[in-house]
Structures are given as structure tokens and as C-alpha cells.
C-alpha atoms as a PDB file:
ATOM      1  CA  ILE A   1     -20.170 102.545  -5.479  1.00  0.00           C
ATOM      2  CA  GLN A   2     -19.065 104.810  -8.323  1.00  0.00           C
ATOM      3  CA  LEU A   3     -17.816 108.323  -7.524  1.00  0.00           C
ATOM      4  CA  ALA A   4     -17.897 110.928 -10.258  1.00  0.00           C
ATOM      5  CA  HIS A   5     -17.788 114.620 -11.071  1.00  0.00           C
ATOM      6  CA  ALA A   6     -19.518 115.606 -14.304  1.00  0.00           C
ATOM      7  CA  GLY A   7     -17.225 118.523 -15.169  1.00  0.00           C
ATOM      8  CA  ARG A   8     -18.359 120.226 -18.360  1.00  0.00           C
ATOM      9  CA  LYS A   9     -21.089 117.610 -18.864  1.00  0.00           C
ATOM     10  CA  CYS A  10     -23.006 118.840 -15.820  1.00  0.00           C
ATOM     11  CA  GLY A  11     -26.593 119.532 -16.848  1.00  0.00           C
ATOM     12  CA  VAL A  12     -27.783 121.210 -13.642  1.00  0.00           C
ATOM     13  CA  PRO A  13     -28.456 124.905 -14.430  1.00  0.00           C
ATOM     14  CA  SER A  14     -27.742 126.065 -10.876  1.00  0.00           C
ATOM     15  CA  GLU A  15     -24.319 124.418 -10.706  1.00  0.00           C
ATOM     16  CA  ASP A  16     -21.046 126.173 -11.440  1.00  0.00           C
ATOM     17  CA  MET A  17     -19.813 124.639 -14.701  1.00  0.00           C
ATOM     18  CA  ILE A  18     -16.105 123.817 -14.306  1.00  0.00           C
ATOM     19  CA  ALA A  19     -13.572 121.949 -16.416  1.00  0.00           C
ATOM     20  CA  PRO A  20      -9.805 121.766 -16.967  1.00  0.00           C
ATOM     21  CA  SER A  21     -10.160 124.251 -19.830  1.00  0.00           C
ATOM     22  CA  PRO A  22     -13.008 126.521 -21.031  1.00  0.00           C
ATOM     23  CA  VAL A  23     -13.976 124.402 -24.060  1.00  0.00           C
ATOM     24  CA  TRP A  24     -17.467 123.699 -25.416  1.00  0.00           C
ATOM     25  CA  PHE A  25     -18.670 120.099 -25.635  1.00  0.00           C
ATOM     26  CA  GLU A  26     -20.677 121.026 -28.736  1.00  0.00           C
ATOM     27  CA  GLU A  27     -20.159 124.594 -29.898  1.00  0.00           C
ATOM     28  CA  ALA A  28     -22.478 124.462 -32.924  1.00  0.00           C
ATOM     29  CA  GLU A  29     -25.506 123.122 -31.046  1.00  0.00           C
ATOM     30  CA  PRO A  30     -24.531 123.403 -27.378  1.00  0.00           C
ATOM     31  CA  SER A  31     -26.286 120.855 -25.182  1.00  0.00           C
ATOM     32  CA  TYR A  32     -24.119 121.985 -22.265  1.00  0.00           C
ATOM     33  CA  ARG A  33     -22.941 125.409 -21.141  1.00  0.00           C
ATOM     34  CA  LEU A  34     -19.422 126.720 -21.689  1.00  0.00           C
ATOM     35  CA  PRO A  35     -17.406 125.760 -18.589  1.00  0.00           C
ATOM     36  CA  ARG A  36     -14.945 128.016 -16.839  1.00  0.00           C
ATOM     37  CA  GLU A  37     -11.366 126.882 -16.300  1.00  0.00           C
ATOM     38  CA  MET A  38     -10.744 125.460 -12.850  1.00  0.00           C
ATOM     39  CA  ASN A  39      -8.336 127.368 -10.638  1.00  0.00           C
ATOM     40  CA  PHE A  40      -6.257 125.751  -7.891  1.00  0.00           C
ATOM     41  CA  ASP A  41      -8.968 126.369  -5.297  1.00  0.00           C
ATOM     42  CA  ASP A  42     -11.493 124.569  -7.521  1.00  0.00           C
ATOM     43  CA  ILE A  43      -9.114 121.643  -7.962  1.00  0.00           C
ATOM     44  CA  HIS A  44      -8.508 121.316  -4.230  1.00  0.00           C
ATOM     45  CA  THR A  45     -12.256 121.588  -3.532  1.00  0.00           C
ATOM     46  CA  VAL A  46     -13.035 118.756  -5.954  1.00  0.00           C
ATOM     47  CA  ILE A  47     -10.260 116.550  -4.562  1.00  0.00           C
ATOM     48  CA  GLU A  48     -11.604 117.115  -1.047  1.00  0.00           C
ATOM     49  CA  ALA A  49     -15.105 116.250  -2.284  1.00  0.00           C
ATOM     50  CA  PHE A  50     -13.861 112.889  -3.610  1.00  0.00           C
ATOM     51  CA  LYS A  51     -12.172 112.287  -0.255  1.00  0.00           C
ATOM     52  CA  GLN A  52     -15.322 113.010   1.743  1.00  0.00           C
ATOM     53  CA  ALA A  53     -17.406 110.903  -0.642  1.00  0.00           C
ATOM     54  CA  ALA A  54     -15.030 107.980  -0.081  1.00  0.00           C
ATOM     55  CA  ARG A  55     -15.270 108.455   3.683  1.00  0.00           C
ATOM     56  CA  ARG A  56     -19.077 108.432   3.551  1.00  0.00           C
ATOM     57  CA  ALA A  57     -19.046 105.394   1.257  1.00  0.00           C
ATOM     58  CA  HIS A  58     -17.017 103.438   3.799  1.00  0.00           C
ATOM     59  CA  GLU A  59     -19.250 104.537   6.667  1.00  0.00           C
ATOM     60  CA  ALA A  60     -22.283 103.441   4.637  1.00  0.00           C
ATOM     61  CA  GLY A  61     -20.839  99.946   4.222  1.00  0.00           C
ATOM     62  CA  PHE A  62     -19.609  99.898   0.630  1.00  0.00           C
ATOM     63  CA  ASP A  63     -16.647  97.613  -0.046  1.00  0.00           C
ATOM     64  CA  PHE A  64     -15.513  98.826  -3.473  1.00  0.00           C
ATOM     65  CA  ILE A  65     -15.042 102.303  -4.954  1.00  0.00           C
ATOM     66  CA  GLU A  66     -14.838 102.995  -8.667  1.00  0.00           C
ATOM     67  CA  LEU A  67     -13.655 106.447  -9.716  1.00  0.00           C
ATOM     68  CA  HIS A  68     -15.387 107.464 -12.931  1.00  0.00           C
ATOM     69  CA  GLY A  69     -12.663 108.660 -15.274  1.00  0.00           C
ATOM     70  CA  ALA A  70     -14.526 107.916 -18.503  1.00  0.00           C
ATOM     71  CA  HIS A  71     -17.260 109.203 -20.828  1.00  0.00           C
ATOM     72  CA  GLY A  72     -16.212 112.834 -20.775  1.00  0.00           C
ATOM     73  CA  TYR A  73     -16.632 113.459 -17.054  1.00  0.00           C
ATOM     74  CA  LEU A  74     -14.136 115.534 -15.098  1.00  0.00           C
ATOM     75  CA  ILE A  75     -11.282 113.048 -14.582  1.00  0.00           C
ATOM     76  CA  ASN A  76     -11.583 112.043 -18.244  1.00  0.00           C
ATOM     77  CA  GLU A  77     -11.498 115.721 -19.238  1.00  0.00           C
ATOM     78  CA  TYR A  78      -8.164 116.099 -17.451  1.00  0.00           C
ATOM     79  CA  LEU A  79      -6.720 112.954 -19.044  1.00  0.00           C
ATOM     80  CA  SER A  80      -7.741 113.778 -22.642  1.00  0.00           C
ATOM     81  CA  PRO A  81      -5.703 116.157 -24.823  1.00  0.00           C
ATOM     82  CA  LEU A  82      -8.970 117.111 -26.540  1.00  0.00           C
ATOM     83  CA  THR A  83     -10.291 118.806 -23.401  1.00  0.00           C
ATOM     84  CA  ASN A  84      -7.214 119.718 -21.377  1.00  0.00           C
ATOM     85  CA  PHE A  85      -5.252 122.688 -22.719  1.00  0.00           C
ATOM     86  CA  ARG A  86      -3.695 123.740 -19.428  1.00  0.00           C
ATOM     87  CA  LYS A  87      -0.076 124.904 -19.225  1.00  0.00           C
ATOM     88  CA  ASP A  88       0.470 124.170 -15.534  1.00  0.00           C
ATOM     89  CA  GLN A  89       1.243 120.987 -13.595  1.00  0.00           C
ATOM     90  CA  TYR A  90      -2.236 119.621 -14.370  1.00  0.00           C
ATOM     91  CA  ALA A  91      -1.621 119.737 -18.118  1.00  0.00           C
ATOM     92  CA  ASP A  92      -1.769 115.992 -18.814  1.00  0.00           C
ATOM     93  CA  GLY A  93      -4.224 115.021 -16.087  1.00  0.00           C
ATOM     94  CA  THR A  94      -2.053 112.517 -14.258  1.00  0.00           C
ATOM     95  CA  LEU A  95      -1.430 114.789 -11.263  1.00  0.00           C
ATOM     96  CA  PHE A  96      -5.166 115.415 -10.877  1.00  0.00           C
ATOM     97  CA  LEU A  97      -5.842 111.672 -10.844  1.00  0.00           C
ATOM     98  CA  GLU A  98      -2.899 111.036  -8.518  1.00  0.00           C
ATOM     99  CA  GLU A  99      -4.142 113.605  -6.000  1.00  0.00           C
ATOM    100  CA  ILE A 100      -7.677 112.199  -6.065  1.00  0.00           C
ATOM    101  CA  LEU A 101      -6.341 108.678  -5.470  1.00  0.00           C
ATOM    102  CA  THR A 102      -4.156 109.896  -2.615  1.00  0.00           C
ATOM    103  CA  ALA A 103      -7.103 111.671  -1.008  1.00  0.00           C
ATOM    104  CA  VAL A 104      -9.401 108.668  -1.386  1.00  0.00           C
ATOM    105  CA  HIS A 105      -6.827 106.245   0.027  1.00  0.00           C
ATOM    106  CA  SER A 106      -6.295 108.511   3.042  1.00  0.00           C
ATOM    107  CA  VAL A 107      -9.806 107.624   4.282  1.00  0.00           C
ATOM    108  CA  TRP A 108     -10.442 104.269   2.549  1.00  0.00           C
ATOM    109  CA  PRO A 109      -9.303 101.019   4.246  1.00  0.00           C
ATOM    110  CA  SER A 110      -6.184  99.587   2.669  1.00  0.00           C
ATOM    111  CA  HIS A 111      -7.690  96.098   2.354  1.00  0.00           C
ATOM    112  CA  LEU A 112     -10.592  97.331   0.189  1.00  0.00           C
ATOM    113  CA  PRO A 113     -10.096  97.912  -3.560  1.00  0.00           C
ATOM    114  CA  VAL A 114     -10.262 101.123  -5.562  1.00  0.00           C
ATOM    115  CA  GLY A 115     -11.006 100.950  -9.280  1.00  0.00           C
ATOM    116  CA  LEU A 116     -10.864 103.428 -12.148  1.00  0.00           C
ATOM    117  CA  ARG A 117     -13.169 103.567 -15.132  1.00  0.00           C
ATOM    118  CA  ILE A 118     -11.500 104.953 -18.246  1.00  0.00           C
ATOM    119  CA  SER A 119     -12.365 105.861 -21.806  1.00  0.00           C
ATOM    120  CA  ALA A 120      -9.540 104.063 -23.551  1.00  0.00           C
ATOM    121  CA  GLU A 121     -10.225 105.740 -26.900  1.00  0.00           C
ATOM    122  CA  ASP A 122     -11.632 109.167 -27.751  1.00  0.00           C
ATOM    123  CA  TYR A 123     -12.510 108.267 -31.375  1.00  0.00           C
ATOM    124  CA  ALA A 124     -11.286 111.653 -32.570  1.00  0.00           C
ATOM    125  CA  GLU A 125      -8.081 112.928 -34.168  1.00  0.00           C
ATOM    126  CA  GLY A 126      -5.512 113.872 -31.566  1.00  0.00           C
ATOM    127  CA  GLY A 127      -7.383 112.052 -28.813  1.00  0.00           C
ATOM    128  CA  ASN A 128      -6.390 109.235 -26.507  1.00  0.00           C
ATOM    129  CA  LEU A 129      -5.793 105.647 -27.569  1.00  0.00           C
ATOM    130  CA  PRO A 130      -5.513 102.685 -25.164  1.00  0.00           C
ATOM    131  CA  GLU A 131      -1.723 102.945 -25.219  1.00  0.00           C
ATOM    132  CA  HIS A 132      -1.903 106.592 -24.082  1.00  0.00           C
ATOM    133  CA  LEU A 133      -4.168 105.807 -21.127  1.00  0.00           C
ATOM    134  CA  ALA A 134      -1.995 102.872 -20.095  1.00  0.00           C
ATOM    135  CA  GLU A 135       1.106 105.080 -20.124  1.00  0.00           C
ATOM    136  CA  LYS A 136      -0.610 107.733 -17.988  1.00  0.00           C
ATOM    137  CA  ILE A 137      -1.878 105.139 -15.509  1.00  0.00           C
ATOM    138  CA  ASN A 138       1.621 103.676 -15.224  1.00  0.00           C
ATOM    139  CA  ARG A 139       3.011 107.123 -14.409  1.00  0.00           C
ATOM    140  CA  VAL A 140       0.402 107.591 -11.691  1.00  0.00           C
ATOM    141  CA  MET A 141       1.034 104.148 -10.213  1.00  0.00           C
ATOM    142  CA  LYS A 142       4.792 104.770  -9.992  1.00  0.00           C
ATOM    143  CA  LYS A 143       4.116 107.718  -7.684  1.00  0.00           C
ATOM    144  CA  MET A 144       1.648 105.939  -5.403  1.00  0.00           C
ATOM    145  CA  PRO A 145       2.787 104.237  -2.184  1.00  0.00           C
ATOM    146  CA  GLU A 146       2.729 100.444  -2.140  1.00  0.00           C
ATOM    147  CA  GLY A 147      -0.764  99.106  -1.533  1.00  0.00           C
ATOM    148  CA  GLN A 148      -2.425 102.220  -2.868  1.00  0.00           C
ATOM    149  CA  GLY A 149      -3.268 103.266  -6.399  1.00  0.00           C
ATOM    150  CA  ILE A 150      -5.596 101.386  -8.738  1.00  0.00           C
ATOM    151  CA  ASP A 151      -6.671  97.774  -8.175  1.00  0.00           C
ATOM    152  CA  LEU A 152      -8.972  97.357 -11.184  1.00  0.00           C
ATOM    153  CA  ILE A 153      -9.415  99.247 -14.470  1.00  0.00           C
ATOM    154  CA  ASN A 154     -12.896  99.285 -15.978  1.00  0.00           C
ATOM    155  CA  VAL A 155     -12.186  99.801 -19.683  1.00  0.00           C
ATOM    156  CA  SER A 156     -14.828 101.714 -21.615  1.00  0.00           C
ATOM    157  CA  SER A 157     -14.448 104.272 -24.414  1.00  0.00           C
ATOM    158  CA  GLY A 158     -15.758 107.476 -25.949  1.00  0.00           C
ATOM    159  CA  GLY A 159     -17.804 110.343 -24.584  1.00  0.00           C
ATOM    160  CA  VAL A 160     -15.229 113.084 -24.122  1.00  0.00           C
ATOM    161  CA  VAL A 161     -16.124 114.732 -27.442  1.00  0.00           C
ATOM    162  CA  PRO A 162     -18.955 114.096 -29.917  1.00  0.00           C
ATOM    163  CA  ALA A 163     -17.720 111.296 -32.173  1.00  0.00           C
ATOM    164  CA  ARG A 164     -18.982 108.568 -34.461  1.00  0.00           C
ATOM    165  CA  ILE A 165     -18.212 105.197 -32.854  1.00  0.00           C
ATOM    166  CA  ASN A 166     -18.185 101.946 -34.812  1.00  0.00           C
ATOM    167  CA  VAL A 167     -20.058  99.789 -32.316  1.00  0.00           C
ATOM    168  CA  PHE A 168     -20.094  95.999 -32.644  1.00  0.00           C
ATOM    169  CA  ASP A 169     -20.320  93.054 -30.260  1.00  0.00           C
ATOM    170  CA  GLY A 170     -17.357  93.154 -27.916  1.00  0.00           C
ATOM    171  CA  TYR A 171     -15.977  96.333 -29.494  1.00  0.00           C
ATOM    172  CA  GLN A 172     -14.177  97.438 -26.329  1.00  0.00           C
ATOM    173  CA  THR A 173     -12.541  94.153 -25.382  1.00  0.00           C
ATOM    174  CA  ARG A 174      -9.431  94.790 -27.475  1.00  0.00           C
ATOM    175  CA  HIS A 175      -8.995  98.082 -25.590  1.00  0.00           C
ATOM    176  CA  ALA A 176      -9.129  96.150 -22.313  1.00  0.00           C
ATOM    177  CA  GLU A 177      -6.533  93.665 -23.536  1.00  0.00           C
ATOM    178  CA  ILE A 178      -4.095  96.440 -24.439  1.00  0.00           C
ATOM    179  CA  VAL A 179      -4.526  98.270 -21.135  1.00  0.00           C
ATOM    180  CA  ARG A 180      -4.161  95.002 -19.216  1.00  0.00           C
ATOM    181  CA  GLN A 181      -0.975  94.072 -21.052  1.00  0.00           C
ATOM    182  CA  LEU A 182       0.673  97.490 -20.690  1.00  0.00           C
ATOM    183  CA  THR A 183      -0.260  98.210 -17.064  1.00  0.00           C
ATOM    184  CA  GLN A 184      -0.284  94.699 -15.581  1.00  0.00           C
ATOM    185  CA  ILE A 185      -3.386  95.763 -13.631  1.00  0.00           C
ATOM    186  CA  PRO A 186      -6.535  93.592 -13.674  1.00  0.00           C
ATOM    187  CA  VAL A 187      -9.173  94.911 -16.083  1.00  0.00           C
ATOM    188  CA  MET A 188     -12.911  94.667 -16.581  1.00  0.00           C
ATOM    189  CA  SER A 189     -14.264  94.578 -20.125  1.00  0.00           C
ATOM    190  CA  GLY A 190     -17.707  95.339 -21.490  1.00  0.00           C
ATOM    191  CA  GLY A 191     -19.543  96.728 -24.470  1.00  0.00           C
ATOM    192  CA  ARG A 192     -22.247  94.749 -26.272  1.00  0.00           C
ATOM    193  CA  ILE A 193     -21.312  91.471 -24.607  1.00  0.00           C
ATOM    194  CA  LYS A 194     -24.577  89.641 -25.131  1.00  0.00           C
ATOM    195  CA  THR A 195     -24.018  85.945 -24.545  1.00  0.00           C
ATOM    196  CA  ALA A 196     -22.649  83.682 -21.852  1.00  0.00           C
ATOM    197  CA  GLU A 197     -20.297  82.101 -24.373  1.00  0.00           C
ATOM    198  CA  MET A 198     -18.834  85.492 -25.303  1.00  0.00           C
ATOM    199  CA  ALA A 199     -18.237  86.476 -21.680  1.00  0.00           C
ATOM    200  CA  ASP A 200     -16.762  83.042 -20.948  1.00  0.00           C
ATOM    201  CA  GLU A 201     -14.357  83.304 -23.885  1.00  0.00           C
ATOM    202  CA  ILE A 202     -13.027  86.665 -22.690  1.00  0.00           C
ATOM    203  CA  ILE A 203     -12.258  85.282 -19.231  1.00  0.00           C
ATOM    204  CA  ARG A 204     -10.881  81.910 -20.324  1.00  0.00           C
ATOM    205  CA  ASN A 205      -8.557  83.501 -22.893  1.00  0.00           C
ATOM    206  CA  ASN A 206      -7.184  85.893 -20.240  1.00  0.00           C
ATOM    207  CA  ARG A 207      -8.368  88.936 -22.152  1.00  0.00           C
ATOM    208  CA  ALA A 208      -9.822  90.428 -18.944  1.00  0.00           C
ATOM    209  CA  GLU A 209     -10.310  89.438 -15.316  1.00  0.00           C
ATOM    210  CA  LEU A 210     -13.948  90.535 -15.224  1.00  0.00           C
ATOM    211  CA  VAL A 211     -16.767  91.189 -17.671  1.00  0.00           C
ATOM    212  CA  PHE A 212     -19.483  93.785 -17.092  1.00  0.00           C
ATOM    213  CA  LEU A 213     -22.952  93.737 -18.570  1.00  0.00           C
ATOM    214  CA  GLY A 214     -25.254  96.722 -18.989  1.00  0.00           C
ATOM    215  CA  ARG A 215     -28.033  96.698 -21.548  1.00  0.00           C
ATOM    216  CA  GLN A 216     -28.110  92.911 -21.697  1.00  0.00           C
ATOM    217  CA  LEU A 217     -29.177  92.816 -18.046  1.00  0.00           C
ATOM    218  CA  LEU A 218     -31.994  95.242 -18.854  1.00  0.00           C
ATOM    219  CA  ILE A 219     -33.092  92.980 -21.699  1.00  0.00           C
ATOM    220  CA  ASP A 220     -32.720  89.834 -19.571  1.00  0.00           C
ATOM    221  CA  PRO A 221     -32.556  90.435 -15.798  1.00  0.00           C
ATOM    222  CA  TYR A 222     -32.117  86.666 -15.315  1.00  0.00           C
ATOM    223  CA  PHE A 223     -29.016  86.549 -17.517  1.00  0.00           C
ATOM    224  CA  PRO A 224     -26.797  85.076 -14.746  1.00  0.00           C
ATOM    225  CA  LEU A 225     -29.190  82.157 -14.250  1.00  0.00           C
ATOM    226  CA  HIS A 226     -29.550  81.562 -17.990  1.00  0.00           C
ATOM    227  CA  ALA A 227     -25.762  81.808 -18.386  1.00  0.00           C
ATOM    228  CA  ALA A 228     -25.266  79.183 -15.682  1.00  0.00           C
ATOM    229  CA  VAL A 229     -27.523  76.798 -17.574  1.00  0.00           C
ATOM    230  CA  THR A 230     -25.741  77.522 -20.872  1.00  0.00           C
ATOM    231  CA  LEU A 231     -22.295  76.975 -19.339  1.00  0.00           C
ATOM    232  CA  LYS A 232     -23.456  74.024 -17.207  1.00  0.00           C
ATOM    233  CA  GLN A 233     -22.544  75.705 -13.922  1.00  0.00           C
ATOM    234  CA  GLU A 234     -24.210  75.372 -10.531  1.00  0.00           C
ATOM    235  CA  ILE A 235     -24.678  78.734  -8.803  1.00  0.00           C
ATOM    236  CA  ASP A 236     -26.359  79.812  -5.591  1.00  0.00           C
ATOM    237  CA  TYR A 237     -28.954  82.564  -5.676  1.00  0.00           C
ATOM    238  CA  ALA A 238     -31.343  84.122  -3.218  1.00  0.00           C
END
């Protein structure tokens, strides 16, 4: 299950629009409202909400949690210098992520994994690059007790600010490689991975531990079966 807070990308009119800093997503043609800056009470409320969501997820029988820290949602907004202009202890976003992880692990069984989805590049001047995210994750991990922290990083990109992205087949895999190398944490790569051979190459060349598919599974829901035939693998299926 994926747990997320939309932050300034919340589109529900009745919701209180909150973010690290009161910055428009698109000021010229606003598709979202102007958020208000979160105070300490807001921060603690959100952290508690992640904690209770993790507790309910475990009670419901889920065995893996992914925290959504990508695509311009709240955790991503804290981690990106393009959206976080705070002057307090939450200025670079690592403390916010650390406190969410601590809260989640307080109610989540230690033998079950917790992942983090990140936007490894903001595609805008002054924004994050994969090296920046890796450095921030390393700082968070150094503060976490042994056996807690992040077990898997789902490496995506973009979404924190409007930006033109040069999209091509496998365009995010290099990001995953960099984050994997610098953090020594297993990563999952995706982004226009369309063929079994392409996914197989990423795994066999140790560029990522896992590959995720999105649109390709919408195009071909039987992709795993077709991939097994292509790669001459026997798999069990219901």
C-alpha cells in the first residue's frame, strides 16, 4: 500500500491547503490554490496521520508500505529546494521524512519492509538531482535505529514544479543507478520500460533490484505471461 499526502497538489476544495511554504504550483494559470505554510501543529498532525495510516494498513493485512515522496506531493515538497523555503529545522526536509519514518516504524512490524518513492530530479534550475536525494536519504538513515529506515527506494522523477521532461524509454533508470550506488539501498526503476528484454537487462546488469511497470500493464495486462515466454521462463499463475 502507498501512503501519501498531497500537500499543495490537493485538489479537494473543502480541504485545508498546506505545504512547507506558501508557494504557488502554477502562479500564471493556477490549477491549484495557494497553500498556507504549515506550522508545528500541522506538521505533528500529518506525522500522526501517517502513523495511524500505517497502523490501519497492518491491521488490514498489508505487508509492504511505500511512502510517496515523489511527484510534488508533501514529502517531496519538503525535500525540494524549489518548494521548501523554511528557515527552521524543517528547512531541507530530512527531519520531516525522519519523523514520518519514526512514527510509521513505531506501529509497523520490524520484519515488514518500508519503502520510499522519490523524484530523483526536479528538471528545473536549482532543483534536486539524484545525488542530492541520495545525500538527504543517507542523512536520514544515519539517524534511524538499526532495522528501521528505508528498505527500498522507488526512483521516479519530476512533478514538484511544472517542467519540460525529455522522456524516452528507460529515462529514469540512470537516476535509479545513481541513487543505488550512493545510498547502498535496493532500488526499483521504472519509466517507459516496455519490453521484457529491457526489464531483464536492468536486473541482470545490477542497475536496480526491481523494475516497475505502469502504462505497459494497461496496454498489455498479460505482460508477465508474455515476458515469461519471451525470456523462456516457467512461471505459476492463478
